[in-house]
Amino acid sequence: RSSGTAYVYADSVKGRFTISRDSAKNVM
């Protein structure tokens, strides 16, 4: 989240896994 948002995935999980955050709850 610093200096622009970036999402990066390993090739082995790309398309199957999704990372996200709930800032209000401090949870990833």
mmCIF file of all heavy atoms, coordinates in Angstrom:
data_MODEL
# 
_entry.id   MODEL 
# 
loop_
_atom_site.group_PDB 
_atom_site.id 
_atom_site.type_symbol 
_atom_site.label_atom_id 
_atom_site.label_alt_id 
_atom_site.label_comp_id 
_atom_site.label_asym_id 
_atom_site.label_entity_id 
_atom_site.label_seq_id 
_atom_site.pdbx_PDB_ins_code 
_atom_site.Cartn_x 
_atom_site.Cartn_y 
_atom_site.Cartn_z 
_atom_site.occupancy 
_atom_site.B_iso_or_equiv 
_atom_site.pdbx_formal_charge 
_atom_site.auth_seq_id 
_atom_site.auth_comp_id 
_atom_site.auth_asym_id 
_atom_site.auth_atom_id 
_atom_site.pdbx_PDB_model_num 
ATOM 1   N N   . ARG A 1 1  ? 0.808   -1.223  0.000   1.00 0.00 ? 1  ARG A N   1 
ATOM 2   C CA  . ARG A 1 1  ? 0.000   0.000   0.000   1.00 0.00 ? 1  ARG A CA  1 
ATOM 3   C C   . ARG A 1 1  ? 0.840   1.272   0.000   1.00 0.00 ? 1  ARG A C   1 
ATOM 4   O O   . ARG A 1 1  ? 0.301   2.361   -0.142  1.00 0.00 ? 1  ARG A O   1 
ATOM 5   C CB  . ARG A 1 1  ? -0.921  0.017   1.224   1.00 0.00 ? 1  ARG A CB  1 
ATOM 6   C CG  . ARG A 1 1  ? -2.099  -0.930  1.108   1.00 0.00 ? 1  ARG A CG  1 
ATOM 7   C CD  . ARG A 1 1  ? -3.260  -0.287  0.386   1.00 0.00 ? 1  ARG A CD  1 
ATOM 8   N NE  . ARG A 1 1  ? -4.370  -1.184  0.168   1.00 0.00 ? 1  ARG A NE  1 
ATOM 9   C CZ  . ARG A 1 1  ? -5.305  -1.448  1.052   1.00 0.00 ? 1  ARG A CZ  1 
ATOM 10  N NH1 . ARG A 1 1  ? -5.246  -0.894  2.254   1.00 0.00 ? 1  ARG A NH1 1 
ATOM 11  N NH2 . ARG A 1 1  ? -6.281  -2.259  0.753   1.00 0.00 ? 1  ARG A NH2 1 
ATOM 12  N N   . SER A 1 2  ? 2.152   1.159   0.143   1.00 0.00 ? 2  SER A N   1 
ATOM 13  C CA  . SER A 1 2  ? 3.003   2.342   0.158   1.00 0.00 ? 2  SER A CA  1 
ATOM 14  C C   . SER A 1 2  ? 3.413   2.705   -1.266  1.00 0.00 ? 2  SER A C   1 
ATOM 15  O O   . SER A 1 2  ? 3.674   1.833   -2.083  1.00 0.00 ? 2  SER A O   1 
ATOM 16  C CB  . SER A 1 2  ? 4.250   2.079   1.008   1.00 0.00 ? 2  SER A CB  1 
ATOM 17  O OG  . SER A 1 2  ? 4.974   0.999   0.493   1.00 0.00 ? 2  SER A OG  1 
ATOM 18  N N   . SER A 1 3  ? 3.430   4.000   -1.565  1.00 0.00 ? 3  SER A N   1 
ATOM 19  C CA  . SER A 1 3  ? 3.831   4.496   -2.888  1.00 0.00 ? 3  SER A CA  1 
ATOM 20  C C   . SER A 1 3  ? 3.086   3.792   -4.015  1.00 0.00 ? 3  SER A C   1 
ATOM 21  O O   . SER A 1 3  ? 3.679   3.364   -5.007  1.00 0.00 ? 3  SER A O   1 
ATOM 22  C CB  . SER A 1 3  ? 5.348   4.328   -3.079  1.00 0.00 ? 3  SER A CB  1 
ATOM 23  O OG  . SER A 1 3  ? 6.052   5.062   -2.117  1.00 0.00 ? 3  SER A OG  1 
ATOM 24  N N   . GLY A 1 4  ? 1.799   3.661   -3.859  1.00 0.00 ? 4  GLY A N   1 
ATOM 25  C CA  . GLY A 1 4  ? 1.000   3.005   -4.887  1.00 0.00 ? 4  GLY A CA  1 
ATOM 26  C C   . GLY A 1 4  ? 0.716   1.558   -4.540  1.00 0.00 ? 4  GLY A C   1 
ATOM 27  O O   . GLY A 1 4  ? 1.571   0.854   -4.042  1.00 0.00 ? 4  GLY A O   1 
ATOM 28  N N   . THR A 1 5  ? -0.494  1.150   -4.807  1.00 0.00 ? 5  THR A N   1 
ATOM 29  C CA  . THR A 1 5  ? -0.910  -0.217  -4.465  1.00 0.00 ? 5  THR A CA  1 
ATOM 30  C C   . THR A 1 5  ? -0.360  -1.213  -5.475  1.00 0.00 ? 5  THR A C   1 
ATOM 31  O O   . THR A 1 5  ? -0.373  -0.964  -6.681  1.00 0.00 ? 5  THR A O   1 
ATOM 32  C CB  . THR A 1 5  ? -2.440  -0.297  -4.432  1.00 0.00 ? 5  THR A CB  1 
ATOM 33  O OG1 . THR A 1 5  ? -2.934  0.618   -3.454  1.00 0.00 ? 5  THR A OG1 1 
ATOM 34  C CG2 . THR A 1 5  ? -2.893  -1.701  -4.074  1.00 0.00 ? 5  THR A CG2 1 
ATOM 35  N N   . ALA A 1 6  ? 0.131   -2.325  -4.959  1.00 0.00 ? 6  ALA A N   1 
ATOM 36  C CA  . ALA A 1 6  ? 0.641   -3.377  -5.832  1.00 0.00 ? 6  ALA A CA  1 
ATOM 37  C C   . ALA A 1 6  ? 0.195   -4.728  -5.297  1.00 0.00 ? 6  ALA A C   1 
ATOM 38  O O   . ALA A 1 6  ? 0.312   -4.993  -4.105  1.00 0.00 ? 6  ALA A O   1 
ATOM 39  C CB  . ALA A 1 6  ? 2.155   -3.324  -5.912  1.00 0.00 ? 6  ALA A CB  1 
ATOM 40  N N   . TYR A 1 7  ? -0.314  -5.560  -6.174  1.00 0.00 ? 7  TYR A N   1 
ATOM 41  C CA  . TYR A 1 7  ? -0.673  -6.939  -5.860  1.00 0.00 ? 7  TYR A CA  1 
ATOM 42  C C   . TYR A 1 7  ? 0.289   -7.832  -6.649  1.00 0.00 ? 7  TYR A C   1 
ATOM 43  O O   . TYR A 1 7  ? 0.421   -7.683  -7.854  1.00 0.00 ? 7  TYR A O   1 
ATOM 44  C CB  . TYR A 1 7  ? -2.096  -7.264  -6.317  1.00 0.00 ? 7  TYR A CB  1 
ATOM 45  C CG  . TYR A 1 7  ? -3.184  -6.513  -5.597  1.00 0.00 ? 7  TYR A CG  1 
ATOM 46  C CD1 . TYR A 1 7  ? -3.527  -5.224  -5.974  1.00 0.00 ? 7  TYR A CD1 1 
ATOM 47  C CD2 . TYR A 1 7  ? -3.888  -7.109  -4.550  1.00 0.00 ? 7  TYR A CD2 1 
ATOM 48  C CE1 . TYR A 1 7  ? -4.530  -4.534  -5.328  1.00 0.00 ? 7  TYR A CE1 1 
ATOM 49  C CE2 . TYR A 1 7  ? -4.902  -6.426  -3.903  1.00 0.00 ? 7  TYR A CE2 1 
ATOM 50  C CZ  . TYR A 1 7  ? -5.214  -5.142  -4.287  1.00 0.00 ? 7  TYR A CZ  1 
ATOM 51  O OH  . TYR A 1 7  ? -6.220  -4.469  -3.638  1.00 0.00 ? 7  TYR A OH  1 
ATOM 52  N N   . VAL A 1 8  ? 0.921   -8.758  -5.934  1.00 0.00 ? 8  VAL A N   1 
ATOM 53  C CA  . VAL A 1 8  ? 1.860   -9.664  -6.587  1.00 0.00 ? 8  VAL A CA  1 
ATOM 54  C C   . VAL A 1 8  ? 1.564   -11.079 -6.134  1.00 0.00 ? 8  VAL A C   1 
ATOM 55  O O   . VAL A 1 8  ? 1.343   -11.327 -4.938  1.00 0.00 ? 8  VAL A O   1 
ATOM 56  C CB  . VAL A 1 8  ? 3.324   -9.295  -6.260  1.00 0.00 ? 8  VAL A CB  1 
ATOM 57  C CG1 . VAL A 1 8  ? 4.280   -10.257 -6.944  1.00 0.00 ? 8  VAL A CG1 1 
ATOM 58  C CG2 . VAL A 1 8  ? 3.637   -7.863  -6.690  1.00 0.00 ? 8  VAL A CG2 1 
ATOM 59  N N   . TYR A 1 9  ? 1.537   -11.996 -7.077  1.00 0.00 ? 9  TYR A N   1 
ATOM 60  C CA  . TYR A 1 9  ? 1.253   -13.402 -6.783  1.00 0.00 ? 9  TYR A CA  1 
ATOM 61  C C   . TYR A 1 9  ? 2.348   -14.297 -7.337  1.00 0.00 ? 9  TYR A C   1 
ATOM 62  O O   . TYR A 1 9  ? 2.940   -14.001 -8.384  1.00 0.00 ? 9  TYR A O   1 
ATOM 63  C CB  . TYR A 1 9  ? -0.074  -13.817 -7.420  1.00 0.00 ? 9  TYR A CB  1 
ATOM 64  C CG  . TYR A 1 9  ? -1.288  -13.123 -6.849  1.00 0.00 ? 9  TYR A CG  1 
ATOM 65  C CD1 . TYR A 1 9  ? -1.772  -11.949 -7.411  1.00 0.00 ? 9  TYR A CD1 1 
ATOM 66  C CD2 . TYR A 1 9  ? -1.959  -13.654 -5.739  1.00 0.00 ? 9  TYR A CD2 1 
ATOM 67  C CE1 . TYR A 1 9  ? -2.878  -11.307 -6.886  1.00 0.00 ? 9  TYR A CE1 1 
ATOM 68  C CE2 . TYR A 1 9  ? -3.074  -13.025 -5.218  1.00 0.00 ? 9  TYR A CE2 1 
ATOM 69  C CZ  . TYR A 1 9  ? -3.525  -11.845 -5.790  1.00 0.00 ? 9  TYR A CZ  1 
ATOM 70  O OH  . TYR A 1 9  ? -4.629  -11.221 -5.261  1.00 0.00 ? 9  TYR A OH  1 
ATOM 71  N N   . ALA A 1 10 ? 2.575   -15.404 -6.663  1.00 0.00 ? 10 ALA A N   1 
ATOM 72  C CA  . ALA A 1 10 ? 3.428   -16.433 -7.221  1.00 0.00 ? 10 ALA A CA  1 
ATOM 73  C C   . ALA A 1 10 ? 2.721   -17.052 -8.413  1.00 0.00 ? 10 ALA A C   1 
ATOM 74  O O   . ALA A 1 10 ? 1.485   -17.166 -8.420  1.00 0.00 ? 10 ALA A O   1 
ATOM 75  C CB  . ALA A 1 10 ? 3.719   -17.506 -6.169  1.00 0.00 ? 10 ALA A CB  1 
ATOM 76  N N   . ASP A 1 11 ? 3.477   -17.481 -9.396  1.00 0.00 ? 11 ASP A N   1 
ATOM 77  C CA  . ASP A 1 11 ? 2.871   -18.069 -10.592 1.00 0.00 ? 11 ASP A CA  1 
ATOM 78  C C   . ASP A 1 11 ? 2.026   -19.296 -10.240 1.00 0.00 ? 11 ASP A C   1 
ATOM 79  O O   . ASP A 1 11 ? 1.010   -19.559 -10.881 1.00 0.00 ? 11 ASP A O   1 
ATOM 80  C CB  . ASP A 1 11 ? 3.966   -18.462 -11.588 1.00 0.00 ? 11 ASP A CB  1 
ATOM 81  C CG  . ASP A 1 11 ? 4.621   -17.242 -12.226 1.00 0.00 ? 11 ASP A CG  1 
ATOM 82  O OD1 . ASP A 1 11 ? 4.040   -16.137 -12.154 1.00 0.00 ? 11 ASP A OD1 1 
ATOM 83  O OD2 . ASP A 1 11 ? 5.724   -17.396 -12.784 1.00 0.00 ? 11 ASP A OD2 1 
ATOM 84  N N   . SER A 1 12 ? 2.447   -20.029 -9.230  1.00 0.00 ? 12 SER A N   1 
ATOM 85  C CA  . SER A 1 12 ? 1.762   -21.269 -8.872  1.00 0.00 ? 12 SER A CA  1 
ATOM 86  C C   . SER A 1 12 ? 0.360   -21.043 -8.303  1.00 0.00 ? 12 SER A C   1 
ATOM 87  O O   . SER A 1 12 ? -0.450  -21.968 -8.256  1.00 0.00 ? 12 SER A O   1 
ATOM 88  C CB  . SER A 1 12 ? 2.595   -22.056 -7.865  1.00 0.00 ? 12 SER A CB  1 
ATOM 89  O OG  . SER A 1 12 ? 2.805   -21.279 -6.692  1.00 0.00 ? 12 SER A OG  1 
ATOM 90  N N   . VAL A 1 13 ? 0.065   -19.820 -7.851  1.00 0.00 ? 13 VAL A N   1 
ATOM 91  C CA  . VAL A 1 13 ? -1.244  -19.553 -7.244  1.00 0.00 ? 13 VAL A CA  1 
ATOM 92  C C   . VAL A 1 13 ? -2.042  -18.519 -8.019  1.00 0.00 ? 13 VAL A C   1 
ATOM 93  O O   . VAL A 1 13 ? -3.218  -18.276 -7.700  1.00 0.00 ? 13 VAL A O   1 
ATOM 94  C CB  . VAL A 1 13 ? -1.101  -19.092 -5.771  1.00 0.00 ? 13 VAL A CB  1 
ATOM 95  C CG1 . VAL A 1 13 ? -0.267  -20.089 -4.978  1.00 0.00 ? 13 VAL A CG1 1 
ATOM 96  C CG2 . VAL A 1 13 ? -0.503  -17.694 -5.684  1.00 0.00 ? 13 VAL A CG2 1 
ATOM 97  N N   . LYS A 1 14 ? -1.444  -17.924 -9.010  1.00 0.00 ? 14 LYS A N   1 
ATOM 98  C CA  . LYS A 1 14 ? -2.103  -16.874 -9.771  1.00 0.00 ? 14 LYS A CA  1 
ATOM 99  C C   . LYS A 1 14 ? -3.388  -17.415 -10.399 1.00 0.00 ? 14 LYS A C   1 
ATOM 100 O O   . LYS A 1 14 ? -3.398  -18.478 -11.011 1.00 0.00 ? 14 LYS A O   1 
ATOM 101 C CB  . LYS A 1 14 ? -1.163  -16.344 -10.850 1.00 0.00 ? 14 LYS A CB  1 
ATOM 102 C CG  . LYS A 1 14 ? -1.536  -14.988 -11.405 1.00 0.00 ? 14 LYS A CG  1 
ATOM 103 C CD  . LYS A 1 14 ? -0.451  -14.494 -12.340 1.00 0.00 ? 14 LYS A CD  1 
ATOM 104 C CE  . LYS A 1 14 ? 0.848   -14.206 -11.621 1.00 0.00 ? 14 LYS A CE  1 
ATOM 105 N NZ  . LYS A 1 14 ? 1.896   -13.662 -12.511 1.00 0.00 ? 14 LYS A NZ  1 
ATOM 106 N N   . GLY A 1 15 ? -4.467  -16.665 -10.222 1.00 0.00 ? 15 GLY A N   1 
ATOM 107 C CA  . GLY A 1 15 ? -5.753  -17.102 -10.749 1.00 0.00 ? 15 GLY A CA  1 
ATOM 108 C C   . GLY A 1 15 ? -6.542  -17.978 -9.798  1.00 0.00 ? 15 GLY A C   1 
ATOM 109 O O   . GLY A 1 15 ? -7.730  -18.224 -10.020 1.00 0.00 ? 15 GLY A O   1 
ATOM 110 N N   . ARG A 1 16 ? -5.912  -18.473 -8.757  1.00 0.00 ? 16 ARG A N   1 
ATOM 111 C CA  . ARG A 1 16 ? -6.599  -19.318 -7.777  1.00 0.00 ? 16 ARG A CA  1 
ATOM 112 C C   . ARG A 1 16 ? -6.685  -18.652 -6.406  1.00 0.00 ? 16 ARG A C   1 
ATOM 113 O O   . ARG A 1 16 ? -7.639  -18.867 -5.659  1.00 0.00 ? 16 ARG A O   1 
ATOM 114 C CB  . ARG A 1 16 ? -5.872  -20.658 -7.623  1.00 0.00 ? 16 ARG A CB  1 
ATOM 115 C CG  . ARG A 1 16 ? -5.795  -21.473 -8.886  1.00 0.00 ? 16 ARG A CG  1 
ATOM 116 C CD  . ARG A 1 16 ? -5.249  -22.878 -8.623  1.00 0.00 ? 16 ARG A CD  1 
ATOM 117 N NE  . ARG A 1 16 ? -3.896  -22.838 -8.074  1.00 0.00 ? 16 ARG A NE  1 
ATOM 118 C CZ  . ARG A 1 16 ? -3.554  -23.391 -6.910  1.00 0.00 ? 16 ARG A CZ  1 
ATOM 119 N NH1 . ARG A 1 16 ? -4.455  -23.995 -6.171  1.00 0.00 ? 16 ARG A NH1 1 
ATOM 120 N NH2 . ARG A 1 16 ? -2.294  -23.335 -6.487  1.00 0.00 ? 16 ARG A NH2 1 
ATOM 121 N N   . PHE A 1 17 ? -5.672  -17.867 -6.059  1.00 0.00 ? 17 PHE A N   1 
ATOM 122 C CA  . PHE A 1 17 ? -5.617  -17.211 -4.753  1.00 0.00 ? 17 PHE A CA  1 
ATOM 123 C C   . PHE A 1 17 ? -5.823  -15.714 -4.936  1.00 0.00 ? 17 PHE A C   1 
ATOM 124 O O   . PHE A 1 17 ? -5.379  -15.123 -5.926  1.00 0.00 ? 17 PHE A O   1 
ATOM 125 C CB  . PHE A 1 17 ? -4.260  -17.428 -4.090  1.00 0.00 ? 17 PHE A CB  1 
ATOM 126 C CG  . PHE A 1 17 ? -3.986  -18.843 -3.639  1.00 0.00 ? 17 PHE A CG  1 
ATOM 127 C CD1 . PHE A 1 17 ? -4.803  -19.903 -3.998  1.00 0.00 ? 17 PHE A CD1 1 
ATOM 128 C CD2 . PHE A 1 17 ? -2.893  -19.117 -2.834  1.00 0.00 ? 17 PHE A CD2 1 
ATOM 129 C CE1 . PHE A 1 17 ? -4.547  -21.199 -3.578  1.00 0.00 ? 17 PHE A CE1 1 
ATOM 130 C CE2 . PHE A 1 17 ? -2.613  -20.400 -2.395  1.00 0.00 ? 17 PHE A CE2 1 
ATOM 131 C CZ  . PHE A 1 17 ? -3.437  -21.444 -2.783  1.00 0.00 ? 17 PHE A CZ  1 
ATOM 132 N N   . THR A 1 18 ? -6.443  -15.080 -3.939  1.00 0.00 ? 18 THR A N   1 
ATOM 133 C CA  . THR A 1 18 ? -6.658  -13.644 -3.954  1.00 0.00 ? 18 THR A CA  1 
ATOM 134 C C   . THR A 1 18 ? -6.300  -13.063 -2.591  1.00 0.00 ? 18 THR A C   1 
ATOM 135 O O   . THR A 1 18 ? -6.807  -13.535 -1.560  1.00 0.00 ? 18 THR A O   1 
ATOM 136 C CB  . THR A 1 18 ? -8.122  -13.294 -4.270  1.00 0.00 ? 18 THR A CB  1 
ATOM 137 O OG1 . THR A 1 18 ? -8.478  -13.855 -5.535  1.00 0.00 ? 18 THR A OG1 1 
ATOM 138 C CG2 . THR A 1 18 ? -8.317  -11.790 -4.326  1.00 0.00 ? 18 THR A CG2 1 
ATOM 139 N N   . ILE A 1 19 ? -5.452  -12.058 -2.597  1.00 0.00 ? 19 ILE A N   1 
ATOM 140 C CA  . ILE A 1 19 ? -5.074  -11.386 -1.364  1.00 0.00 ? 19 ILE A CA  1 
ATOM 141 C C   . ILE A 1 19 ? -5.875  -10.101 -1.245  1.00 0.00 ? 19 ILE A C   1 
ATOM 142 O O   . ILE A 1 19 ? -6.123  -9.415  -2.238  1.00 0.00 ? 19 ILE A O   1 
ATOM 143 C CB  . ILE A 1 19 ? -3.551  -11.094 -1.335  1.00 0.00 ? 19 ILE A CB  1 
ATOM 144 C CG1 . ILE A 1 19 ? -3.118  -10.593 0.047   1.00 0.00 ? 19 ILE A CG1 1 
ATOM 145 C CG2 . ILE A 1 19 ? -3.152  -10.133 -2.439  1.00 0.00 ? 19 ILE A CG2 1 
ATOM 146 C CD1 . ILE A 1 19 ? -1.606  -10.494 0.195   1.00 0.00 ? 19 ILE A CD1 1 
ATOM 147 N N   . SER A 1 20 ? -6.279  -9.787  -0.029  1.00 0.00 ? 20 SER A N   1 
ATOM 148 C CA  . SER A 1 20 ? -7.062  -8.567  0.193   1.00 0.00 ? 20 SER A CA  1 
ATOM 149 C C   . SER A 1 20 ? -6.869  -8.095  1.627   1.00 0.00 ? 20 SER A C   1 
ATOM 150 O O   . SER A 1 20 ? -6.318  -8.832  2.467   1.00 0.00 ? 20 SER A O   1 
ATOM 151 C CB  . SER A 1 20 ? -8.546  -8.813  -0.085  1.00 0.00 ? 20 SER A CB  1 
ATOM 152 O OG  . SER A 1 20 ? -9.069  -9.785  0.805   1.00 0.00 ? 20 SER A OG  1 
ATOM 153 N N   . ARG A 1 21 ? -7.351  -6.895  1.895   1.00 0.00 ? 21 ARG A N   1 
ATOM 154 C CA  . ARG A 1 21 ? -7.258  -6.337  3.241   1.00 0.00 ? 21 ARG A CA  1 
ATOM 155 C C   . ARG A 1 21 ? -8.576  -5.678  3.625   1.00 0.00 ? 21 ARG A C   1 
ATOM 156 O O   . ARG A 1 21 ? -9.254  -5.108  2.777   1.00 0.00 ? 21 ARG A O   1 
ATOM 157 C CB  . ARG A 1 21 ? -6.183  -5.251  3.316   1.00 0.00 ? 21 ARG A CB  1 
ATOM 158 C CG  . ARG A 1 21 ? -4.794  -5.717  3.495   1.00 0.00 ? 21 ARG A CG  1 
ATOM 159 C CD  . ARG A 1 21 ? -3.906  -4.507  3.625   1.00 0.00 ? 21 ARG A CD  1 
ATOM 160 N NE  . ARG A 1 21 ? -2.503  -4.858  3.756   1.00 0.00 ? 21 ARG A NE  1 
ATOM 161 C CZ  . ARG A 1 21 ? -1.529  -3.972  3.762   1.00 0.00 ? 21 ARG A CZ  1 
ATOM 162 N NH1 . ARG A 1 21 ? -1.800  -2.693  3.640   1.00 0.00 ? 21 ARG A NH1 1 
ATOM 163 N NH2 . ARG A 1 21 ? -0.280  -4.339  3.891   1.00 0.00 ? 21 ARG A NH2 1 
ATOM 164 N N   . ASP A 1 22 ? -8.889  -5.750  4.891   1.00 0.00 ? 22 ASP A N   1 
ATOM 165 C CA  . ASP A 1 22 ? -9.975  -4.970  5.463   1.00 0.00 ? 22 ASP A CA  1 
ATOM 166 C C   . ASP A 1 22 ? -9.315  -3.991  6.431   1.00 0.00 ? 22 ASP A C   1 
ATOM 167 O O   . ASP A 1 22 ? -8.994  -4.356  7.573   1.00 0.00 ? 22 ASP A O   1 
ATOM 168 C CB  . ASP A 1 22 ? -10.976 -5.875  6.186   1.00 0.00 ? 22 ASP A CB  1 
ATOM 169 C CG  . ASP A 1 22 ? -12.184 -5.107  6.694   1.00 0.00 ? 22 ASP A CG  1 
ATOM 170 O OD1 . ASP A 1 22 ? -12.064 -3.894  6.980   1.00 0.00 ? 22 ASP A OD1 1 
ATOM 171 O OD2 . ASP A 1 22 ? -13.263 -5.727  6.806   1.00 0.00 ? 22 ASP A OD2 1 
ATOM 172 N N   . SER A 1 23 ? -9.083  -2.771  5.962   1.00 0.00 ? 23 SER A N   1 
ATOM 173 C CA  . SER A 1 23 ? -8.355  -1.799  6.769   1.00 0.00 ? 23 SER A CA  1 
ATOM 174 C C   . SER A 1 23 ? -9.091  -1.443  8.055   1.00 0.00 ? 23 SER A C   1 
ATOM 175 O O   . SER A 1 23 ? -8.482  -1.183  9.085   1.00 0.00 ? 23 SER A O   1 
ATOM 176 C CB  . SER A 1 23 ? -8.095  -0.537  5.951   1.00 0.00 ? 23 SER A CB  1 
ATOM 177 O OG  . SER A 1 23 ? -7.275  -0.832  4.836   1.00 0.00 ? 23 SER A OG  1 
ATOM 178 N N   . ALA A 1 24 ? -10.403 -1.452  7.999   1.00 0.00 ? 24 ALA A N   1 
ATOM 179 C CA  . ALA A 1 24 ? -11.180 -1.102  9.195   1.00 0.00 ? 24 ALA A CA  1 
ATOM 180 C C   . ALA A 1 24 ? -10.974 -2.125  10.310  1.00 0.00 ? 24 ALA A C   1 
ATOM 181 O O   . ALA A 1 24 ? -11.043 -1.790  11.494  1.00 0.00 ? 24 ALA A O   1 
ATOM 182 C CB  . ALA A 1 24 ? -12.654 -0.994  8.832   1.00 0.00 ? 24 ALA A CB  1 
ATOM 183 N N   . LYS A 1 25 ? -10.714 -3.364  9.933   1.00 0.00 ? 25 LYS A N   1 
ATOM 184 C CA  . LYS A 1 25 ? -10.536 -4.430  10.917  1.00 0.00 ? 25 LYS A CA  1 
ATOM 185 C C   . LYS A 1 25 ? -9.065  -4.781  11.130  1.00 0.00 ? 25 LYS A C   1 
ATOM 186 O O   . LYS A 1 25 ? -8.758  -5.649  11.943  1.00 0.00 ? 25 LYS A O   1 
ATOM 187 C CB  . LYS A 1 25 ? -11.292 -5.689  10.472  1.00 0.00 ? 25 LYS A CB  1 
ATOM 188 C CG  . LYS A 1 25 ? -12.794 -5.510  10.383  1.00 0.00 ? 25 LYS A CG  1 
ATOM 189 C CD  . LYS A 1 25 ? -13.454 -6.805  9.945   1.00 0.00 ? 25 LYS A CD  1 
ATOM 190 C CE  . LYS A 1 25 ? -14.955 -6.642  9.860   1.00 0.00 ? 25 LYS A CE  1 
ATOM 191 N NZ  . LYS A 1 25 ? -15.621 -7.898  9.400   1.00 0.00 ? 25 LYS A NZ  1 
ATOM 192 N N   . ASN A 1 26 ? -8.163  -4.155  10.389  1.00 0.00 ? 26 ASN A N   1 
ATOM 193 C CA  . ASN A 1 26 ? -6.727  -4.487  10.469  1.00 0.00 ? 26 ASN A CA  1 
ATOM 194 C C   . ASN A 1 26 ? -6.488  -5.966  10.156  1.00 0.00 ? 26 ASN A C   1 
ATOM 195 O O   . ASN A 1 26 ? -5.684  -6.629  10.827  1.00 0.00 ? 26 ASN A O   1 
ATOM 196 C CB  . ASN A 1 26 ? -6.154  -4.160  11.850  1.00 0.00 ? 26 ASN A CB  1 
ATOM 197 C CG  . ASN A 1 26 ? -6.277  -2.708  12.210  1.00 0.00 ? 26 ASN A CG  1 
ATOM 198 O OD1 . ASN A 1 26 ? -6.393  -1.855  11.343  1.00 0.00 ? 26 ASN A OD1 1 
ATOM 199 N ND2 . ASN A 1 26 ? -6.265  -2.424  13.497  1.00 0.00 ? 26 ASN A ND2 1 
ATOM 200 N N   . VAL A 1 27 ? -7.164  -6.479  9.165   1.00 0.00 ? 27 VAL A N   1 
ATOM 201 C CA  . VAL A 1 27 ? -7.058  -7.890  8.817   1.00 0.00 ? 27 VAL A CA  1 
ATOM 202 C C   . VAL A 1 27 ? -6.719  -8.043  7.334   1.00 0.00 ? 27 VAL A C   1 
ATOM 203 O O   . VAL A 1 27 ? -7.256  -7.331  6.489   1.00 0.00 ? 27 VAL A O   1 
ATOM 204 C CB  . VAL A 1 27 ? -8.373  -8.649  9.112   1.00 0.00 ? 27 VAL A CB  1 
ATOM 205 C CG1 . VAL A 1 27 ? -8.253  -10.111 8.690   1.00 0.00 ? 27 VAL A CG1 1 
ATOM 206 C CG2 . VAL A 1 27 ? -8.703  -8.565  10.592  1.00 0.00 ? 27 VAL A CG2 1 
ATOM 207 N N   . MET A 1 28 ? -5.826  -8.972  7.042   1.00 0.00 ? 28 MET A N   1 
ATOM 208 C CA  . MET A 1 28 ? -5.490  -9.345  5.669   1.00 0.00 ? 28 MET A CA  1 
ATOM 209 C C   . MET A 1 28 ? -6.031  -10.747 5.430   1.00 0.00 ? 28 MET A C   1 
ATOM 210 O O   . MET A 1 28 ? -6.037  -11.584 6.337   1.00 0.00 ? 28 MET A O   1 
ATOM 211 C CB  . MET A 1 28 ? -3.978  -9.334  5.477   1.00 0.00 ? 28 MET A CB  1 
ATOM 212 C CG  . MET A 1 28 ? -3.520  -9.843  4.120   1.00 0.00 ? 28 MET A CG  1 
ATOM 213 S SD  . MET A 1 28 ? -1.734  -9.807  3.918   1.00 0.00 ? 28 MET A SD  1 
ATOM 214 C CE  . MET A 1 28 ? -1.199  -11.004 5.138   1.00 0.00 ? 28 MET A CE  1 
# 
